[in-house]
């Protein structure tokens, strides 16, 4: 009976997560970054526009700083209802993008809508891992997350392709694309509202009896790093590795626009669609790998795909090779396939179920901090090098590759130390 219930919940989740990306794909960093760069070109100062593009490309990352707040807000509250309410908030904000005028105020409104959506989505991501940990045994979680990631990737890729094609045909397509996208979000929220959580009453009771485990004060969230030193070491390597990845998206959008003649669709394909399409291609392989090993061992293998991708894209920019950009984007996408699994599930190798949201909250908050710092670092480095007689684009990507490699080496050392201690 329990197996049948689990299967039903998984099916419902798959359907819900098929509709939600139809909405979220319209504000995916690469998609909305390309759209903004072209839509507001000549409307606002070029440097303001470039930093706005950087903010949009990084929104998914730095909005994650709010994760500790969502963990605190939701502590002891009905998880499915809370997640559904956040999805509805996302629907309203995405739909509002269709009203953005091509003015400086319009750019500010666009930033508010996209960043606001990402803040609400952070709460969804933080809480859904509690649902997964309660509903699915560890041996199945990677495959559950993998199937959901596959569905999301296919839908996100299709939406990115569709938005790029629509904008190439008619730049006013934004007026109908975003309301349509938001309508799919309503369907996804309604379907997810029917979800059930195994042992939900007991989980909520445990949370209500442990109010000290969460806090609205950010510095108290980081106390977990002192309580669980092993998790702190994992987070340190993850932070360095993540900076190497997150610093590159905004410079890539600007480089493609300024140095290559690809159009809306061509740029979106390289920044967003190709990497996303590689997620379902690689997810099954990564899920099998994660199922049989600790996340540290997994990351010690997985991280090097991002190193190779960054070097490939940097070399392609230096040689003006569009084919090389496609290859680098594909390798990056294979890395994303493993990344979505390890990012969503890695903390569960450290966290008891009643503290899953707390561990995930810290993890996502740290993602937000590097999401705030890394794109700014990438843009500042690119701007500084661009002012001198340097190949700014390639160097930025080589620096990203170096940071990812340092994180990868850290994972290798931690994995070896863990095996030795076992």
Foldseek 3Di string as FASTA:
>chain_A
DLVVLLVVLLVLLLLLLLLLLLQVLCQALLQVLLLQCVLQVVQDDNVVSLVLSLCSNLLLQQLLLCLLVLLLVCQLHDLLVLLLVLLLVLLVLLLCLLVQDNHPVSSVSVSCSSSVNSNSVSSNLLRVLLQLPQSDPLLCSLVSLLSSLLSSLVSSLVSSLVSQVQCQVPVSCSNPSRNVSSVSSNVSSVSSSPRDGHPSVVLSVVRVVCSVLGDPDSVSLCVVCVVDVLLVLLLVLVLLLLLLVLQQLSVLSVLCVPPHDQGSNRSSCLSPNLLSNLLNVQQVVLSVVCSPDALLVSLLPLLLLLLVLLLQCLVCSVVVNSVSSSVSSNSNSNSVNNVSSCLSCNCVVPDDSSCSSSSNSSSSSSSSVSSVVSNVVSVVQLVVQVVDPHSSRSVSSNVSSVSSVSSSVSSVVSVVVVVVVD
